[in-house]
Amino acid sequence: MALCATCHVEVISGFDKLHPISDDEWAMLDTLPNITDTSRLGCQLRLDDSMNEITVKISG
């Protein structure tokens, strides 16, 4: 639901295959001190079969 950011991940590869970031997700990420250009919230990633090669680093 993009409410807490405990699922923050850094996308190592395949960032370009992800759906665009929503305003709500961006607002929550913007509260974190350690975001990168490829940060996303794991709970907001909508995955499908075309995204088999995505690699993420779990922050925390």
PDB file of N, CA and C in Angstrom:
ATOM      1  N   MET A   1       0.812  -1.210   0.000  1.00  0.00           N
ATOM      2  CA  MET A   1       0.000   0.000   0.000  1.00  0.00           C
ATOM      3  C   MET A   1       0.849   1.265   0.000  1.00  0.00           C
ATOM      4  N   ALA A   2       2.151   1.114  -0.012  1.00  0.00           N
ATOM      5  CA  ALA A   2       3.077   2.260  -0.044  1.00  0.00           C
ATOM      6  C   ALA A   2       2.904   3.159   1.174  1.00  0.00           C
ATOM      7  N   LEU A   3       2.798   2.539   2.349  1.00  0.00           N
ATOM      8  CA  LEU A   3       2.564   3.319   3.559  1.00  0.00           C
ATOM      9  C   LEU A   3       3.737   3.366   4.525  1.00  0.00           C
ATOM     10  N   CYS A   4       4.742   2.484   4.376  1.00  0.00           N
ATOM     11  CA  CYS A   4       5.769   2.446   5.414  1.00  0.00           C
ATOM     12  C   CYS A   4       7.199   2.381   4.892  1.00  0.00           C
ATOM     13  N   ALA A   5       7.423   1.957   3.688  1.00  0.00           N
ATOM     14  CA  ALA A   5       8.740   1.885   3.041  1.00  0.00           C
ATOM     15  C   ALA A   5       9.666   0.826   3.629  1.00  0.00           C
ATOM     16  N   THR A   6       9.156  -0.101   4.419  1.00  0.00           N
ATOM     17  CA  THR A   6      10.012  -1.165   4.943  1.00  0.00           C
ATOM     18  C   THR A   6      10.407  -2.167   3.861  1.00  0.00           C
ATOM     19  N   CYS A   7       9.774  -2.111   2.731  1.00  0.00           N
ATOM     20  CA  CYS A   7      10.085  -3.022   1.631  1.00  0.00           C
ATOM     21  C   CYS A   7      10.969  -2.355   0.577  1.00  0.00           C
ATOM     22  N   HIS A   8      11.706  -1.322   0.962  1.00  0.00           N
ATOM     23  CA  HIS A   8      12.583  -0.603   0.041  1.00  0.00           C
ATOM     24  C   HIS A   8      13.595  -1.562  -0.582  1.00  0.00           C
ATOM     25  N   VAL A   9      13.685  -1.537  -1.892  1.00  0.00           N
ATOM     26  CA  VAL A   9      14.677  -2.323  -2.616  1.00  0.00           C
ATOM     27  C   VAL A   9      15.407  -1.414  -3.601  1.00  0.00           C
ATOM     28  N   GLU A  10      16.617  -1.817  -3.953  1.00  0.00           N
ATOM     29  CA  GLU A  10      17.368  -1.134  -5.000  1.00  0.00           C
ATOM     30  C   GLU A  10      17.425  -2.082  -6.189  1.00  0.00           C
ATOM     31  N   VAL A  11      16.956  -1.638  -7.326  1.00  0.00           N
ATOM     32  CA  VAL A  11      16.951  -2.478  -8.521  1.00  0.00           C
ATOM     33  C   VAL A  11      18.349  -2.431  -9.133  1.00  0.00           C
ATOM     34  N   ILE A  12      19.016  -3.575  -9.155  1.00  0.00           N
ATOM     35  CA  ILE A  12      20.388  -3.675  -9.663  1.00  0.00           C
ATOM     36  C   ILE A  12      20.397  -3.811 -11.179  1.00  0.00           C
ATOM     37  N   SER A  13      19.493  -4.592 -11.711  1.00  0.00           N
ATOM     38  CA  SER A  13      19.364  -4.722 -13.166  1.00  0.00           C
ATOM     39  C   SER A  13      17.903  -4.910 -13.531  1.00  0.00           C
ATOM     40  N   GLY A  14      17.536  -4.414 -14.701  1.00  0.00           N
ATOM     41  CA  GLY A  14      16.170  -4.550 -15.181  1.00  0.00           C
ATOM     42  C   GLY A  14      15.244  -3.423 -14.787  1.00  0.00           C
ATOM     43  N   PHE A  15      15.787  -2.324 -14.267  1.00  0.00           N
ATOM     44  CA  PHE A  15      14.946  -1.204 -13.834  1.00  0.00           C
ATOM     45  C   PHE A  15      14.043  -0.715 -14.965  1.00  0.00           C
ATOM     46  N   ASP A  16      14.565  -0.704 -16.179  1.00  0.00           N
ATOM     47  CA  ASP A  16      13.813  -0.214 -17.337  1.00  0.00           C
ATOM     48  C   ASP A  16      12.615  -1.105 -17.681  1.00  0.00           C
ATOM     49  N   LYS A  17      12.548  -2.308 -17.145  1.00  0.00           N
ATOM     50  CA  LYS A  17      11.436  -3.213 -17.424  1.00  0.00           C
ATOM     51  C   LYS A  17      10.248  -3.009 -16.470  1.00  0.00           C
ATOM     52  N   LEU A  18      10.452  -2.224 -15.410  1.00  0.00           N
ATOM     53  CA  LEU A  18       9.411  -2.039 -14.403  1.00  0.00           C
ATOM     54  C   LEU A  18       8.368  -1.022 -14.849  1.00  0.00           C
ATOM     55  N   HIS A  19       7.185  -1.161 -14.301  1.00  0.00           N
ATOM     56  CA  HIS A  19       6.140  -0.176 -14.530  1.00  0.00           C
ATOM     57  C   HIS A  19       6.571   1.147 -13.916  1.00  0.00           C
ATOM     58  N   PRO A  20       6.087   2.264 -14.435  1.00  0.00           N
ATOM     59  CA  PRO A  20       6.477   3.567 -13.890  1.00  0.00           C
ATOM     60  C   PRO A  20       6.115   3.701 -12.407  1.00  0.00           C
ATOM     61  N   ILE A  21       6.883   4.481 -11.700  1.00  0.00           N
ATOM     62  CA  ILE A  21       6.653   4.717 -10.280  1.00  0.00           C
ATOM     63  C   ILE A  21       5.439   5.634 -10.106  1.00  0.00           C
ATOM     64  N   SER A  22       4.617   5.342  -9.128  1.00  0.00           N
ATOM     65  CA  SER A  22       3.426   6.170  -8.871  1.00  0.00           C
ATOM     66  C   SER A  22       3.786   7.350  -7.975  1.00  0.00           C
ATOM     67  N   ASP A  23       2.918   8.333  -7.931  1.00  0.00           N
ATOM     68  CA  ASP A  23       3.137   9.485  -7.057  1.00  0.00           C
ATOM     69  C   ASP A  23       3.189   9.061  -5.592  1.00  0.00           C
ATOM     70  N   ASP A  24       2.340   8.120  -5.187  1.00  0.00           N
ATOM     71  CA  ASP A  24       2.331   7.649  -3.801  1.00  0.00           C
ATOM     72  C   ASP A  24       3.636   6.940  -3.449  1.00  0.00           C
ATOM     73  N   GLU A  25       4.121   6.111  -4.368  1.00  0.00           N
ATOM     74  CA  GLU A  25       5.376   5.417  -4.120  1.00  0.00           C
ATOM     75  C   GLU A  25       6.524   6.418  -4.020  1.00  0.00           C
ATOM     76  N   TRP A  26       6.557   7.374  -4.931  1.00  0.00           N
ATOM     77  CA  TRP A  26       7.620   8.371  -4.899  1.00  0.00           C
ATOM     78  C   TRP A  26       7.578   9.175  -3.599  1.00  0.00           C
ATOM     79  N   ALA A  27       6.397   9.544  -3.148  1.00  0.00           N
ATOM     80  CA  ALA A  27       6.267  10.306  -1.903  1.00  0.00           C
ATOM     81  C   ALA A  27       6.815   9.523  -0.721  1.00  0.00           C
ATOM     82  N   MET A  28       6.593   8.218  -0.676  1.00  0.00           N
ATOM     83  CA  MET A  28       7.104   7.408   0.419  1.00  0.00           C
ATOM     84  C   MET A  28       8.617   7.231   0.299  1.00  0.00           C
ATOM     85  N   LEU A  29       9.121   6.985  -0.896  1.00  0.00           N
ATOM     86  CA  LEU A  29      10.560   6.852  -1.089  1.00  0.00           C
ATOM     87  C   LEU A  29      11.283   8.142  -0.706  1.00  0.00           C
ATOM     88  N   ASP A  30      10.660   9.257  -0.965  1.00  0.00           N
ATOM     89  CA  ASP A  30      11.280  10.554  -0.687  1.00  0.00           C
ATOM     90  C   ASP A  30      11.489  10.794   0.806  1.00  0.00           C
ATOM     91  N   THR A  31      10.886   9.976   1.650  1.00  0.00           N
ATOM     92  CA  THR A  31      11.072  10.115   3.100  1.00  0.00           C
ATOM     93  C   THR A  31      12.292   9.346   3.598  1.00  0.00           C
ATOM     94  N   LEU A  32      12.883   8.517   2.739  1.00  0.00           N
ATOM     95  CA  LEU A  32      14.015   7.673   3.139  1.00  0.00           C
ATOM     96  C   LEU A  32      15.343   8.400   2.929  1.00  0.00           C
ATOM     97  N   PRO A  33      16.297   8.192   3.826  1.00  0.00           N
ATOM     98  CA  PRO A  33      17.589   8.870   3.689  1.00  0.00           C
ATOM     99  C   PRO A  33      18.539   8.211   2.688  1.00  0.00           C
ATOM    100  N   ASN A  34      18.270   6.967   2.301  1.00  0.00           N
ATOM    101  CA  ASN A  34      19.238   6.216   1.497  1.00  0.00           C
ATOM    102  C   ASN A  34      18.703   5.767   0.141  1.00  0.00           C
ATOM    103  N   ILE A  35      17.854   6.572  -0.489  1.00  0.00           N
ATOM    104  CA  ILE A  35      17.327   6.160  -1.794  1.00  0.00           C
ATOM    105  C   ILE A  35      18.381   6.373  -2.876  1.00  0.00           C
ATOM    106  N   THR A  36      18.232   5.616  -3.940  1.00  0.00           N
ATOM    107  CA  THR A  36      19.100   5.741  -5.112  1.00  0.00           C
ATOM    108  C   THR A  36      18.221   6.015  -6.319  1.00  0.00           C
ATOM    109  N   ASP A  37      18.845   6.194  -7.466  1.00  0.00           N
ATOM    110  CA  ASP A  37      18.088   6.418  -8.701  1.00  0.00           C
ATOM    111  C   ASP A  37      17.259   5.205  -9.099  1.00  0.00           C
ATOM    112  N   THR A  38      17.585   4.045  -8.534  1.00  0.00           N
ATOM    113  CA  THR A  38      16.850   2.825  -8.879  1.00  0.00           C
ATOM    114  C   THR A  38      16.119   2.240  -7.671  1.00  0.00           C
ATOM    115  N   SER A  39      15.815   3.061  -6.697  1.00  0.00           N
ATOM    116  CA  SER A  39      15.038   2.603  -5.535  1.00  0.00           C
ATOM    117  C   SER A  39      13.583   2.412  -5.920  1.00  0.00           C
ATOM    118  N   ARG A  40      12.993   1.383  -5.345  1.00  0.00           N
ATOM    119  CA  ARG A  40      11.562   1.129  -5.489  1.00  0.00           C
ATOM    120  C   ARG A  40      11.059   0.504  -4.195  1.00  0.00           C
ATOM    121  N   LEU A  41       9.753   0.488  -4.033  1.00  0.00           N
ATOM    122  CA  LEU A  41       9.133  -0.235  -2.927  1.00  0.00           C
ATOM    123  C   LEU A  41       8.718  -1.592  -3.464  1.00  0.00           C
ATOM    124  N   GLY A  42       9.218  -2.643  -2.821  1.00  0.00           N
ATOM    125  CA  GLY A  42       8.912  -3.989  -3.274  1.00  0.00           C
ATOM    126  C   GLY A  42       7.417  -4.268  -3.361  1.00  0.00           C
ATOM    127  N   CYS A  43       6.652  -3.692  -2.437  1.00  0.00           N
ATOM    128  CA  CYS A  43       5.206  -3.940  -2.426  1.00  0.00           C
ATOM    129  C   CYS A  43       4.495  -3.299  -3.613  1.00  0.00           C
ATOM    130  N   GLN A  44       5.171  -2.401  -4.318  1.00  0.00           N
ATOM    131  CA  GLN A  44       4.549  -1.713  -5.449  1.00  0.00           C
ATOM    132  C   GLN A  44       4.985  -2.261  -6.799  1.00  0.00           C
ATOM    133  N   LEU A  45       5.891  -3.238  -6.800  1.00  0.00           N
ATOM    134  CA  LEU A  45       6.347  -3.811  -8.061  1.00  0.00           C
ATOM    135  C   LEU A  45       5.319  -4.798  -8.582  1.00  0.00           C
ATOM    136  N   ARG A  46       4.825  -4.527  -9.760  1.00  0.00           N
ATOM    137  CA  ARG A  46       3.880  -5.430 -10.423  1.00  0.00           C
ATOM    138  C   ARG A  46       4.680  -6.234 -11.445  1.00  0.00           C
ATOM    139  N   LEU A  47       4.971  -7.456 -11.104  1.00  0.00           N
ATOM    140  CA  LEU A  47       5.840  -8.284 -11.935  1.00  0.00           C
ATOM    141  C   LEU A  47       5.040  -9.147 -12.899  1.00  0.00           C
ATOM    142  N   ASP A  48       5.666  -9.429 -14.042  1.00  0.00           N
ATOM    143  CA  ASP A  48       5.079 -10.364 -14.990  1.00  0.00           C
ATOM    144  C   ASP A  48       6.215 -11.170 -15.640  1.00  0.00           C
ATOM    145  N   ASP A  49       5.877 -12.065 -16.536  1.00  0.00           N
ATOM    146  CA  ASP A  49       6.863 -12.983 -17.124  1.00  0.00           C
ATOM    147  C   ASP A  49       7.973 -12.285 -17.901  1.00  0.00           C
ATOM    148  N   SER A  50       7.754 -11.059 -18.357  1.00  0.00           N
ATOM    149  CA  SER A  50       8.783 -10.358 -19.122  1.00  0.00           C
ATOM    150  C   SER A  50       9.899  -9.827 -18.227  1.00  0.00           C
ATOM    151  N   MET A  51       9.759  -9.981 -16.925  1.00  0.00           N
ATOM    152  CA  MET A  51      10.700  -9.407 -15.987  1.00  0.00           C
ATOM    153  C   MET A  51      11.568 -10.466 -15.301  1.00  0.00           C
ATOM    154  N   ASN A  52      11.816 -11.581 -15.959  1.00  0.00           N
ATOM    155  CA  ASN A  52      12.582 -12.669 -15.368  1.00  0.00           C
ATOM    156  C   ASN A  52      14.004 -12.307 -14.990  1.00  0.00           C
ATOM    157  N   GLU A  53      14.595 -11.331 -15.626  1.00  0.00           N
ATOM    158  CA  GLU A  53      15.999 -10.996 -15.405  1.00  0.00           C
ATOM    159  C   GLU A  53      16.205  -9.835 -14.443  1.00  0.00           C
ATOM    160  N   ILE A  54      15.200  -9.428 -13.702  1.00  0.00           N
ATOM    161  CA  ILE A  54      15.338  -8.331 -12.756  1.00  0.00           C
ATOM    162  C   ILE A  54      16.076  -8.812 -11.510  1.00  0.00           C
ATOM    163  N   THR A  55      17.033  -7.986 -11.061  1.00  0.00           N
ATOM    164  CA  THR A  55      17.778  -8.280  -9.849  1.00  0.00           C
ATOM    165  C   THR A  55      17.591  -7.113  -8.880  1.00  0.00           C
ATOM    166  N   VAL A  56      17.250  -7.421  -7.637  1.00  0.00           N
ATOM    167  CA  VAL A  56      17.078  -6.373  -6.642  1.00  0.00           C
ATOM    168  C   VAL A  56      17.939  -6.663  -5.421  1.00  0.00           C
ATOM    169  N   LYS A  57      18.331  -5.601  -4.749  1.00  0.00           N
ATOM    170  CA  LYS A  57      19.053  -5.685  -3.480  1.00  0.00           C
ATOM    171  C   LYS A  57      18.080  -5.221  -2.408  1.00  0.00           C
ATOM    172  N   ILE A  58      17.836  -6.064  -1.435  1.00  0.00           N
ATOM    173  CA  ILE A  58      16.913  -5.729  -0.361  1.00  0.00           C
ATOM    174  C   ILE A  58      17.629  -4.827   0.627  1.00  0.00           C
ATOM    175  N   SER A  59      17.073  -3.649   0.848  1.00  0.00           N
ATOM    176  CA  SER A  59      17.666  -2.702   1.794  1.00  0.00           C
ATOM    177  C   SER A  59      17.190  -3.023   3.188  1.00  0.00           C
ATOM    178  N   GLY A  60      17.946  -2.586   4.145  1.00  0.00           N
ATOM    179  CA  GLY A  60      17.461  -2.803   5.492  1.00  0.00           C
ATOM    180  C   GLY A  60      18.494  -3.162   6.398  1.00  0.00           C
TER     181      GLY A  60
END
